């Protein structure tokens, strides 16, 4: 389970895909944001695109909400943000607060899945305890639904087991970010 980084434009923008945005102004969120900076730069790099030269201007808006507002106000032509699902994203939450209207925006790019934060236990625990902990997490959405829904706003589908392989791309992302930081220092 995880989330995505998406690239929004105004609905009126003729761009229908990432490549249509060459030479436009981009709003990122913050240099330390996964969905608002690191994953976008990594995703574009995997497509042979250097973010800083592909776009004519790249600015940091300071927050996910600020990036959407900068797009709404025309400060930028496109903005990256986080997205869980059609019904749960920064944009939908802002629309629910009446800050923006969903119909004013469209998505022109979505990253690969950004692996979510795992719940882990010590490998030295007894096997029976490991099994009990795993079972408690896996059963939570059905056996403790009310409590689980409070943790997830009632929108998450539940837990599932993961392995180190599920985080291989995350490790590659981290190496990419480390390389970016080295180049800039």
N, C-alpha and C. Protein backbone atom coordinates (compact mmCIF):
# COMPACT_ATOMS: atom_id res chain seq x y z
N UNK A 1 0.85 -1.17 0.00
CA UNK A 1 0.00 0.00 0.00
C UNK A 1 0.90 1.23 0.00
N UNK A 2 0.42 2.27 -0.60
CA UNK A 2 1.18 3.50 -0.67
C UNK A 2 0.35 4.61 -1.28
N UNK A 3 1.02 5.52 -1.93
CA UNK A 3 0.34 6.66 -2.56
C UNK A 3 1.11 7.05 -3.80
N UNK A 4 0.69 8.13 -4.45
CA UNK A 4 1.28 8.53 -5.72
C UNK A 4 1.60 10.02 -5.71
N UNK A 5 2.45 10.41 -6.62
CA UNK A 5 2.68 11.82 -6.93
C UNK A 5 1.97 12.07 -8.26
N UNK A 6 1.18 13.12 -8.30
CA UNK A 6 0.48 13.45 -9.54
C UNK A 6 0.83 14.86 -9.97
N UNK A 7 0.73 15.09 -11.27
CA UNK A 7 0.98 16.41 -11.83
C UNK A 7 -0.34 16.96 -12.33
N UNK A 8 -0.76 18.07 -11.74
CA UNK A 8 -2.01 18.73 -12.11
C UNK A 8 -1.73 19.92 -13.03
N UNK A 9 -2.68 20.18 -13.90
CA UNK A 9 -2.75 21.44 -14.63
C UNK A 9 -4.17 21.95 -14.47
N UNK A 10 -4.40 23.16 -14.91
CA UNK A 10 -5.78 23.63 -14.95
C UNK A 10 -6.52 22.83 -16.02
N UNK A 11 -7.78 22.62 -15.80
CA UNK A 11 -8.59 21.86 -16.76
C UNK A 11 -8.58 22.53 -18.13
N UNK A 12 -8.44 23.83 -18.17
CA UNK A 12 -8.44 24.58 -19.43
C UNK A 12 -7.12 24.49 -20.20
N UNK A 13 -6.09 23.97 -19.57
CA UNK A 13 -4.78 23.84 -20.22
C UNK A 13 -4.88 22.77 -21.31
N UNK A 14 -4.40 23.05 -22.52
CA UNK A 14 -4.51 22.06 -23.60
C UNK A 14 -3.60 20.83 -23.42
N UNK A 15 -2.67 20.87 -22.49
CA UNK A 15 -1.77 19.74 -22.26
C UNK A 15 -2.58 18.51 -21.85
N UNK A 16 -2.23 17.37 -22.42
CA UNK A 16 -2.91 16.13 -22.03
C UNK A 16 -1.93 15.11 -21.44
N UNK A 17 -0.63 15.41 -21.54
CA UNK A 17 0.38 14.52 -20.97
C UNK A 17 1.59 15.34 -20.56
N UNK A 18 2.43 14.74 -19.78
CA UNK A 18 3.62 15.40 -19.25
C UNK A 18 4.43 16.08 -20.34
N UNK A 19 4.68 15.39 -21.42
CA UNK A 19 5.54 15.92 -22.49
C UNK A 19 5.00 17.22 -23.10
N UNK A 20 3.71 17.45 -22.98
CA UNK A 20 3.10 18.68 -23.51
C UNK A 20 3.48 19.91 -22.69
N UNK A 21 4.08 19.71 -21.53
CA UNK A 21 4.36 20.82 -20.62
C UNK A 21 5.78 21.38 -20.74
N UNK A 22 6.53 20.92 -21.73
CA UNK A 22 7.90 21.41 -21.92
C UNK A 22 7.88 22.94 -22.07
N UNK A 23 8.78 23.61 -21.33
CA UNK A 23 8.90 25.05 -21.41
C UNK A 23 7.90 25.83 -20.57
N UNK A 24 7.11 25.15 -19.76
CA UNK A 24 6.14 25.84 -18.90
C UNK A 24 6.70 26.01 -17.50
N UNK A 25 5.94 26.66 -16.63
CA UNK A 25 6.36 26.90 -15.25
C UNK A 25 5.79 25.80 -14.35
N UNK A 26 6.65 25.25 -13.49
CA UNK A 26 6.28 24.16 -12.60
C UNK A 26 6.38 24.56 -11.15
N UNK A 27 5.38 24.17 -10.38
CA UNK A 27 5.43 24.32 -8.92
C UNK A 27 5.67 22.95 -8.30
N UNK A 28 6.75 22.87 -7.54
CA UNK A 28 6.99 21.73 -6.67
C UNK A 28 6.58 22.16 -5.27
N UNK A 29 6.64 21.24 -4.32
CA UNK A 29 6.16 21.56 -2.98
C UNK A 29 7.28 22.07 -2.08
N UNK A 30 8.22 21.18 -1.79
CA UNK A 30 9.30 21.48 -0.86
C UNK A 30 10.46 20.55 -1.21
N UNK A 31 11.70 20.97 -1.06
CA UNK A 31 12.82 20.09 -1.42
C UNK A 31 12.83 18.75 -0.69
N UNK A 32 12.19 18.68 0.47
CA UNK A 32 12.19 17.44 1.25
C UNK A 32 10.91 16.61 1.07
N UNK A 33 10.01 17.05 0.21
CA UNK A 33 8.76 16.33 0.00
C UNK A 33 8.96 15.17 -0.96
N UNK A 34 8.46 14.00 -0.59
CA UNK A 34 8.53 12.84 -1.49
C UNK A 34 7.64 13.08 -2.70
N UNK A 35 6.34 13.26 -2.48
CA UNK A 35 5.40 13.40 -3.60
C UNK A 35 5.48 14.75 -4.28
N UNK A 36 6.02 15.74 -3.58
CA UNK A 36 6.06 17.09 -4.13
C UNK A 36 7.40 17.53 -4.68
N UNK A 37 8.41 16.65 -4.65
CA UNK A 37 9.71 16.99 -5.21
C UNK A 37 10.52 15.76 -5.61
N UNK A 38 10.85 14.92 -4.65
CA UNK A 38 11.77 13.82 -4.92
C UNK A 38 11.23 12.81 -5.92
N UNK A 39 10.01 12.36 -5.73
CA UNK A 39 9.42 11.40 -6.67
C UNK A 39 9.20 12.04 -8.04
N UNK A 40 8.70 13.28 -8.12
CA UNK A 40 8.60 13.89 -9.45
C UNK A 40 9.94 13.95 -10.19
N UNK A 41 10.97 14.41 -9.52
CA UNK A 41 12.29 14.50 -10.17
C UNK A 41 12.79 13.11 -10.58
N UNK A 42 12.60 12.13 -9.72
CA UNK A 42 13.03 10.75 -10.00
C UNK A 42 12.22 10.18 -11.17
N UNK A 43 10.91 10.35 -11.13
CA UNK A 43 10.05 9.83 -12.20
C UNK A 43 10.39 10.44 -13.55
N UNK A 44 10.61 11.74 -13.58
CA UNK A 44 10.97 12.40 -14.82
C UNK A 44 12.34 11.95 -15.30
N UNK A 45 13.28 11.81 -14.37
CA UNK A 45 14.62 11.35 -14.73
C UNK A 45 14.57 9.97 -15.38
N UNK A 46 13.73 9.09 -14.86
CA UNK A 46 13.60 7.75 -15.45
C UNK A 46 13.06 7.82 -16.88
N UNK A 47 12.45 8.93 -17.24
CA UNK A 47 11.94 9.14 -18.60
C UNK A 47 12.90 9.99 -19.43
N UNK A 48 14.09 10.24 -18.89
CA UNK A 48 15.09 11.01 -19.62
C UNK A 48 14.85 12.51 -19.57
N UNK A 49 14.07 12.97 -18.60
CA UNK A 49 13.74 14.39 -18.48
C UNK A 49 14.43 14.98 -17.25
N UNK A 50 15.19 16.06 -17.48
CA UNK A 50 15.77 16.83 -16.38
C UNK A 50 14.76 17.91 -16.02
N UNK A 51 14.24 17.84 -14.82
CA UNK A 51 13.18 18.76 -14.38
C UNK A 51 13.57 20.22 -14.57
N UNK A 52 14.79 20.56 -14.19
CA UNK A 52 15.21 21.97 -14.20
C UNK A 52 15.43 22.54 -15.60
N UNK A 53 15.64 21.69 -16.59
CA UNK A 53 15.81 22.20 -17.96
C UNK A 53 14.56 21.97 -18.82
N UNK A 54 13.76 20.97 -18.47
CA UNK A 54 12.53 20.69 -19.22
C UNK A 54 11.52 21.82 -19.03
N UNK A 55 11.37 22.27 -17.79
CA UNK A 55 10.46 23.37 -17.48
C UNK A 55 11.23 24.68 -17.54
N UNK A 56 10.56 25.75 -17.95
CA UNK A 56 11.27 27.03 -18.04
C UNK A 56 11.55 27.62 -16.67
N UNK A 57 10.69 27.33 -15.71
CA UNK A 57 10.88 27.83 -14.35
C UNK A 57 10.34 26.79 -13.38
N UNK A 58 11.12 26.50 -12.34
CA UNK A 58 10.71 25.56 -11.30
C UNK A 58 10.80 26.28 -9.96
N UNK A 59 9.68 26.32 -9.24
CA UNK A 59 9.66 26.99 -7.94
C UNK A 59 9.09 26.05 -6.88
N UNK A 60 9.48 26.29 -5.64
CA UNK A 60 8.92 25.56 -4.50
C UNK A 60 7.82 26.42 -3.88
N UNK A 61 6.63 25.86 -3.78
CA UNK A 61 5.49 26.59 -3.24
C UNK A 61 5.48 26.60 -1.71
N UNK A 62 6.16 25.65 -1.09
CA UNK A 62 6.23 25.63 0.37
C UNK A 62 5.32 24.62 1.04
N UNK A 63 4.21 24.26 0.40
CA UNK A 63 3.31 23.25 0.95
C UNK A 63 2.48 22.68 -0.20
N UNK A 64 1.85 21.55 0.05
CA UNK A 64 0.99 20.95 -0.98
C UNK A 64 -0.17 21.86 -1.33
N UNK A 65 -0.79 22.46 -0.32
CA UNK A 65 -1.90 23.39 -0.58
C UNK A 65 -1.43 24.61 -1.35
N UNK A 66 -0.27 25.14 -0.99
CA UNK A 66 0.25 26.31 -1.71
C UNK A 66 0.51 26.00 -3.18
N UNK A 67 0.97 24.78 -3.47
CA UNK A 67 1.22 24.41 -4.87
C UNK A 67 -0.08 24.42 -5.67
N UNK A 68 -1.14 23.90 -5.09
CA UNK A 68 -2.45 23.91 -5.78
C UNK A 68 -2.95 25.34 -5.93
N UNK A 69 -2.80 26.15 -4.90
CA UNK A 69 -3.26 27.54 -4.98
C UNK A 69 -2.45 28.33 -6.01
N UNK A 70 -1.15 28.06 -6.11
CA UNK A 70 -0.32 28.74 -7.12
C UNK A 70 -0.78 28.35 -8.52
N UNK A 71 -1.14 27.10 -8.69
CA UNK A 71 -1.68 26.66 -9.99
C UNK A 71 -3.02 27.35 -10.26
N UNK A 72 -3.87 27.36 -9.29
CA UNK A 72 -5.20 28.00 -9.42
C UNK A 72 -5.05 29.48 -9.79
N UNK A 73 -4.07 30.15 -9.20
CA UNK A 73 -3.90 31.59 -9.42
C UNK A 73 -3.03 31.92 -10.63
N UNK A 74 -2.49 30.89 -11.30
CA UNK A 74 -1.71 31.13 -12.50
C UNK A 74 -0.24 31.40 -12.28
N UNK A 75 0.24 31.21 -11.06
CA UNK A 75 1.67 31.40 -10.78
C UNK A 75 2.49 30.33 -11.50
N UNK A 76 1.91 29.17 -11.66
CA UNK A 76 2.57 28.10 -12.40
C UNK A 76 1.55 27.44 -13.33
N UNK A 77 2.06 26.70 -14.30
CA UNK A 77 1.21 26.03 -15.28
C UNK A 77 0.90 24.59 -14.88
N UNK A 78 1.70 24.05 -13.98
CA UNK A 78 1.52 22.67 -13.51
C UNK A 78 2.07 22.58 -12.10
N UNK A 79 1.52 21.65 -11.32
CA UNK A 79 1.97 21.48 -9.94
C UNK A 79 1.87 20.02 -9.53
N UNK A 80 2.92 19.55 -8.87
CA UNK A 80 2.91 18.19 -8.33
C UNK A 80 2.25 18.18 -6.96
N UNK A 81 1.66 17.02 -6.62
CA UNK A 81 0.99 16.87 -5.34
C UNK A 81 0.81 15.41 -5.02
N UNK A 82 0.28 15.11 -3.82
CA UNK A 82 0.05 13.72 -3.42
C UNK A 82 -1.36 13.29 -3.78
N UNK A 83 -1.50 11.98 -4.01
CA UNK A 83 -2.79 11.41 -4.43
C UNK A 83 -2.86 9.98 -3.93
N UNK A 84 -3.91 9.67 -3.18
CA UNK A 84 -4.14 8.30 -2.72
C UNK A 84 -5.12 7.57 -3.64
N UNK A 85 -6.19 8.28 -4.03
CA UNK A 85 -7.24 7.68 -4.85
C UNK A 85 -8.10 8.81 -5.42
N UNK A 86 -9.06 8.45 -6.24
CA UNK A 86 -9.96 9.46 -6.82
C UNK A 86 -10.71 10.24 -5.75
N UNK A 87 -10.92 9.61 -4.59
CA UNK A 87 -11.68 10.27 -3.53
C UNK A 87 -10.82 10.76 -2.37
N UNK A 88 -9.51 10.54 -2.44
CA UNK A 88 -8.64 10.97 -1.35
C UNK A 88 -7.31 11.48 -1.90
N UNK A 89 -7.21 12.79 -1.97
CA UNK A 89 -5.98 13.46 -2.41
C UNK A 89 -5.96 14.83 -1.76
N UNK A 90 -4.84 15.51 -1.87
CA UNK A 90 -4.80 16.88 -1.36
C UNK A 90 -5.85 17.73 -2.08
N UNK A 91 -6.00 17.52 -3.37
CA UNK A 91 -6.96 18.30 -4.15
C UNK A 91 -8.40 18.05 -3.68
N UNK A 92 -8.76 16.78 -3.44
CA UNK A 92 -10.13 16.50 -2.98
C UNK A 92 -10.36 17.08 -1.59
N UNK A 93 -9.35 17.02 -0.75
CA UNK A 93 -9.50 17.59 0.60
C UNK A 93 -9.67 19.11 0.53
N UNK A 94 -8.92 19.75 -0.37
CA UNK A 94 -9.08 21.20 -0.54
C UNK A 94 -10.46 21.53 -1.10
N UNK A 95 -10.95 20.71 -2.01
CA UNK A 95 -12.28 20.92 -2.57
C UNK A 95 -13.35 20.74 -1.49
N UNK A 96 -13.17 19.76 -0.63
CA UNK A 96 -14.12 19.54 0.46
C UNK A 96 -14.15 20.72 1.42
N UNK A 97 -13.05 21.45 1.52
CA UNK A 97 -12.98 22.65 2.37
C UNK A 97 -13.43 23.90 1.60
N UNK A 98 -13.84 23.70 0.36
CA UNK A 98 -14.30 24.80 -0.51
C UNK A 98 -13.19 25.78 -0.87
N UNK A 99 -11.94 25.29 -0.87
CA UNK A 99 -10.81 26.13 -1.23
C UNK A 99 -10.64 26.20 -2.75
N UNK A 100 -11.00 25.10 -3.43
CA UNK A 100 -10.90 25.01 -4.88
C UNK A 100 -12.06 24.16 -5.39
N UNK A 101 -12.23 24.16 -6.72
CA UNK A 101 -13.24 23.30 -7.35
C UNK A 101 -12.50 22.22 -8.14
N UNK A 102 -12.86 20.97 -7.89
CA UNK A 102 -12.20 19.86 -8.58
C UNK A 102 -12.23 20.00 -10.09
N UNK A 103 -13.34 20.48 -10.62
CA UNK A 103 -13.48 20.56 -12.08
C UNK A 103 -12.54 21.57 -12.72
N UNK A 104 -11.85 22.37 -11.92
CA UNK A 104 -10.89 23.33 -12.47
C UNK A 104 -9.53 22.72 -12.75
N UNK A 105 -9.35 21.42 -12.40
CA UNK A 105 -8.04 20.77 -12.52
C UNK A 105 -8.15 19.45 -13.26
N UNK A 106 -7.02 19.03 -13.81
CA UNK A 106 -6.93 17.69 -14.40
C UNK A 106 -5.54 17.14 -14.11
N UNK A 107 -5.44 15.83 -14.13
CA UNK A 107 -4.18 15.14 -13.89
C UNK A 107 -3.58 14.77 -15.24
N UNK A 108 -2.32 15.13 -15.44
CA UNK A 108 -1.64 14.79 -16.70
C UNK A 108 -0.53 13.76 -16.51
N UNK A 109 -0.23 13.44 -15.25
CA UNK A 109 0.82 12.45 -14.99
C UNK A 109 0.61 11.88 -13.59
N UNK A 110 0.84 10.58 -13.45
CA UNK A 110 0.83 9.93 -12.13
C UNK A 110 2.06 9.04 -12.03
N UNK A 111 2.77 9.15 -10.93
CA UNK A 111 3.99 8.37 -10.72
C UNK A 111 3.65 6.90 -10.47
N UNK A 112 4.69 6.10 -10.43
CA UNK A 112 4.54 4.74 -9.93
C UNK A 112 4.19 4.84 -8.45
N UNK A 113 3.73 3.76 -7.88
CA UNK A 113 3.35 3.71 -6.48
C UNK A 113 4.55 4.07 -5.59
N UNK A 114 4.31 4.96 -4.64
CA UNK A 114 5.29 5.29 -3.61
C UNK A 114 4.95 4.39 -2.43
N UNK A 115 5.85 3.49 -2.11
CA UNK A 115 5.58 2.54 -1.03
C UNK A 115 5.31 3.27 0.28
N UNK A 116 4.27 2.82 0.97
CA UNK A 116 3.92 3.41 2.25
C UNK A 116 4.88 2.97 3.35
N UNK A 117 4.75 3.59 4.49
CA UNK A 117 5.60 3.25 5.63
C UNK A 117 5.15 1.92 6.23
N UNK A 118 6.07 0.98 6.37
CA UNK A 118 5.67 -0.33 6.91
C UNK A 118 5.60 -0.32 8.44
N UNK A 119 4.80 -1.20 8.97
CA UNK A 119 4.84 -1.50 10.39
C UNK A 119 5.74 -2.72 10.51
N UNK A 120 6.68 -2.66 11.41
CA UNK A 120 7.67 -3.74 11.51
C UNK A 120 7.75 -4.23 12.94
N UNK A 121 8.34 -5.41 13.09
CA UNK A 121 8.65 -5.93 14.42
C UNK A 121 10.07 -6.49 14.37
N UNK A 122 10.64 -6.68 15.54
CA UNK A 122 12.00 -7.19 15.64
C UNK A 122 12.06 -8.63 15.13
N UNK A 123 13.06 -8.92 14.36
CA UNK A 123 13.21 -10.28 13.85
C UNK A 123 13.51 -11.27 14.97
N UNK A 124 13.97 -10.78 16.11
CA UNK A 124 14.31 -11.64 17.23
C UNK A 124 13.09 -12.06 18.07
N UNK A 125 11.92 -11.54 17.76
CA UNK A 125 10.71 -11.93 18.51
C UNK A 125 10.38 -13.40 18.25
N UNK A 126 9.74 -14.05 19.21
CA UNK A 126 9.32 -15.44 19.00
C UNK A 126 8.33 -15.53 17.82
N UNK A 127 8.38 -16.62 17.09
CA UNK A 127 7.54 -16.82 15.90
C UNK A 127 6.06 -16.65 16.23
N UNK A 128 5.63 -17.16 17.40
CA UNK A 128 4.21 -17.06 17.77
C UNK A 128 3.79 -15.61 17.95
N UNK A 129 4.66 -14.80 18.53
CA UNK A 129 4.35 -13.39 18.73
C UNK A 129 4.31 -12.65 17.38
N UNK A 130 5.26 -12.96 16.51
CA UNK A 130 5.25 -12.36 15.16
C UNK A 130 3.93 -12.68 14.45
N UNK A 131 3.50 -13.94 14.54
CA UNK A 131 2.25 -14.35 13.88
C UNK A 131 1.06 -13.62 14.49
N UNK A 132 1.04 -13.45 15.80
CA UNK A 132 -0.07 -12.76 16.47
C UNK A 132 -0.12 -11.29 16.07
N UNK A 133 1.04 -10.66 16.00
CA UNK A 133 1.10 -9.24 15.60
C UNK A 133 0.61 -9.10 14.17
N UNK A 134 1.09 -9.93 13.26
CA UNK A 134 0.66 -9.88 11.86
C UNK A 134 -0.84 -10.08 11.75
N UNK A 135 -1.35 -11.09 12.47
CA UNK A 135 -2.79 -11.38 12.42
C UNK A 135 -3.62 -10.19 12.92
N UNK A 136 -3.17 -9.56 13.99
CA UNK A 136 -3.89 -8.40 14.54
C UNK A 136 -3.99 -7.29 13.50
N UNK A 137 -2.90 -7.01 12.81
CA UNK A 137 -2.91 -5.96 11.78
C UNK A 137 -3.80 -6.36 10.61
N UNK A 138 -3.64 -7.58 10.12
CA UNK A 138 -4.41 -8.04 8.95
C UNK A 138 -5.90 -8.12 9.25
N UNK A 139 -6.27 -8.44 10.50
CA UNK A 139 -7.68 -8.55 10.88
C UNK A 139 -8.32 -7.22 11.28
N UNK A 140 -7.50 -6.20 11.55
CA UNK A 140 -8.00 -4.93 12.08
C UNK A 140 -9.16 -4.33 11.27
N UNK A 141 -9.11 -4.29 9.93
CA UNK A 141 -10.21 -3.65 9.19
C UNK A 141 -11.58 -4.33 9.39
N UNK A 142 -11.58 -5.61 9.74
CA UNK A 142 -12.86 -6.30 9.93
C UNK A 142 -13.17 -6.54 11.40
N UNK A 143 -12.18 -6.90 12.19
CA UNK A 143 -12.42 -7.25 13.59
C UNK A 143 -12.41 -6.04 14.52
N UNK A 144 -11.82 -4.96 14.09
CA UNK A 144 -11.79 -3.72 14.88
C UNK A 144 -12.09 -2.55 13.95
N UNK A 145 -13.16 -2.71 13.17
CA UNK A 145 -13.48 -1.75 12.09
C UNK A 145 -13.59 -0.31 12.58
N UNK A 146 -14.29 -0.09 13.67
CA UNK A 146 -14.48 1.28 14.15
C UNK A 146 -13.14 1.94 14.49
N UNK A 147 -12.29 1.23 15.17
CA UNK A 147 -10.96 1.77 15.50
C UNK A 147 -10.12 1.94 14.24
N UNK A 148 -10.17 0.95 13.36
CA UNK A 148 -9.40 1.03 12.13
C UNK A 148 -9.84 2.22 11.28
N UNK A 149 -11.14 2.42 11.16
CA UNK A 149 -11.66 3.53 10.36
C UNK A 149 -11.21 4.88 10.91
N UNK A 150 -11.04 4.99 12.21
CA UNK A 150 -10.55 6.24 12.80
C UNK A 150 -9.09 6.49 12.41
N UNK A 151 -8.33 5.42 12.27
CA UNK A 151 -6.93 5.55 11.85
C UNK A 151 -6.82 5.97 10.39
N UNK A 152 -7.77 5.56 9.58
CA UNK A 152 -7.64 5.72 8.14
C UNK A 152 -8.70 6.61 7.50
N UNK A 153 -9.45 7.32 8.30
CA UNK A 153 -10.57 8.12 7.79
C UNK A 153 -11.57 7.23 7.05
N UNK A 154 -11.54 5.93 7.32
CA UNK A 154 -12.46 5.00 6.69
C UNK A 154 -12.19 4.75 5.22
N UNK A 155 -11.02 5.18 4.72
CA UNK A 155 -10.74 5.10 3.29
C UNK A 155 -9.72 4.03 2.92
N UNK A 156 -8.92 3.61 3.88
CA UNK A 156 -7.89 2.62 3.57
C UNK A 156 -8.50 1.23 3.44
N UNK A 157 -7.88 0.40 2.63
CA UNK A 157 -8.41 -0.93 2.36
C UNK A 157 -7.89 -1.98 3.34
N UNK A 158 -6.89 -1.66 4.09
CA UNK A 158 -6.35 -2.62 5.04
C UNK A 158 -4.86 -2.78 4.89
N UNK A 159 -4.31 -3.67 5.68
CA UNK A 159 -2.89 -3.95 5.66
C UNK A 159 -2.62 -5.19 4.83
N UNK A 160 -1.41 -5.31 4.34
CA UNK A 160 -0.98 -6.55 3.69
C UNK A 160 0.51 -6.74 3.93
N UNK A 161 0.95 -7.98 3.96
CA UNK A 161 2.37 -8.23 4.22
C UNK A 161 3.25 -7.67 3.11
N UNK A 162 4.43 -7.19 3.51
CA UNK A 162 5.41 -6.69 2.54
C UNK A 162 6.76 -7.32 2.83
N UNK A 163 7.63 -7.24 1.84
CA UNK A 163 9.00 -7.73 2.00
C UNK A 163 9.96 -6.62 1.55
N UNK A 164 11.22 -6.86 1.70
CA UNK A 164 12.21 -5.87 1.26
C UNK A 164 12.08 -5.57 -0.22
N UNK A 165 11.66 -6.55 -1.02
CA UNK A 165 11.50 -6.34 -2.47
C UNK A 165 10.50 -5.22 -2.77
N UNK A 166 9.51 -5.05 -1.90
CA UNK A 166 8.51 -4.01 -2.11
C UNK A 166 9.10 -2.61 -2.00
N UNK A 167 10.30 -2.51 -1.46
CA UNK A 167 10.94 -1.21 -1.26
C UNK A 167 12.17 -1.00 -2.15
N UNK A 168 12.35 -1.86 -3.14
CA UNK A 168 13.50 -1.74 -4.04
C UNK A 168 13.50 -0.39 -4.75
N UNK A 169 12.35 0.04 -5.26
CA UNK A 169 12.29 1.33 -5.96
C UNK A 169 12.51 2.49 -4.99
N UNK A 170 12.07 2.33 -3.76
CA UNK A 170 12.29 3.36 -2.74
C UNK A 170 13.79 3.53 -2.48
N UNK A 171 14.51 2.43 -2.47
CA UNK A 171 15.97 2.51 -2.29
C UNK A 171 16.63 3.22 -3.47
N UNK A 172 16.15 2.94 -4.68
CA UNK A 172 16.68 3.61 -5.87
C UNK A 172 16.35 5.11 -5.82
N UNK A 173 15.14 5.44 -5.36
CA UNK A 173 14.76 6.84 -5.19
C UNK A 173 15.71 7.53 -4.22
N UNK A 174 16.01 6.86 -3.11
CA UNK A 174 16.90 7.47 -2.11
C UNK A 174 18.29 7.71 -2.68
N UNK A 175 18.79 6.77 -3.46
CA UNK A 175 20.10 6.96 -4.11
C UNK A 175 20.05 8.16 -5.05
N UNK A 176 18.95 8.28 -5.81
CA UNK A 176 18.78 9.40 -6.73
C UNK A 176 18.79 10.72 -5.97
N UNK A 177 18.05 10.79 -4.87
CA UNK A 177 17.98 12.01 -4.06
C UNK A 177 19.35 12.34 -3.47
N UNK A 178 20.05 11.32 -3.00
CA UNK A 178 21.40 11.55 -2.47
C UNK A 178 22.31 12.12 -3.55
N UNK A 179 22.22 11.58 -4.76
CA UNK A 179 23.03 12.09 -5.87
C UNK A 179 22.67 13.54 -6.19
N UNK A 180 21.38 13.87 -6.18
CA UNK A 180 20.95 15.25 -6.42
C UNK A 180 21.57 16.20 -5.39
N UNK A 181 21.51 15.80 -4.15
CA UNK A 181 22.05 16.65 -3.08
C UNK A 181 23.55 16.84 -3.22
N UNK A 182 24.26 15.78 -3.61
CA UNK A 182 25.71 15.89 -3.81
C UNK A 182 26.02 16.87 -4.94
N UNK A 183 25.25 16.80 -6.02
CA UNK A 183 25.47 17.68 -7.17
C UNK A 183 25.23 19.14 -6.80
N UNK A 184 24.29 19.39 -5.90
CA UNK A 184 23.93 20.77 -5.55
C UNK A 184 24.83 21.36 -4.48
N UNK A 185 25.60 20.52 -3.80
CA UNK A 185 26.43 21.06 -2.70
C UNK A 185 27.84 21.39 -3.16
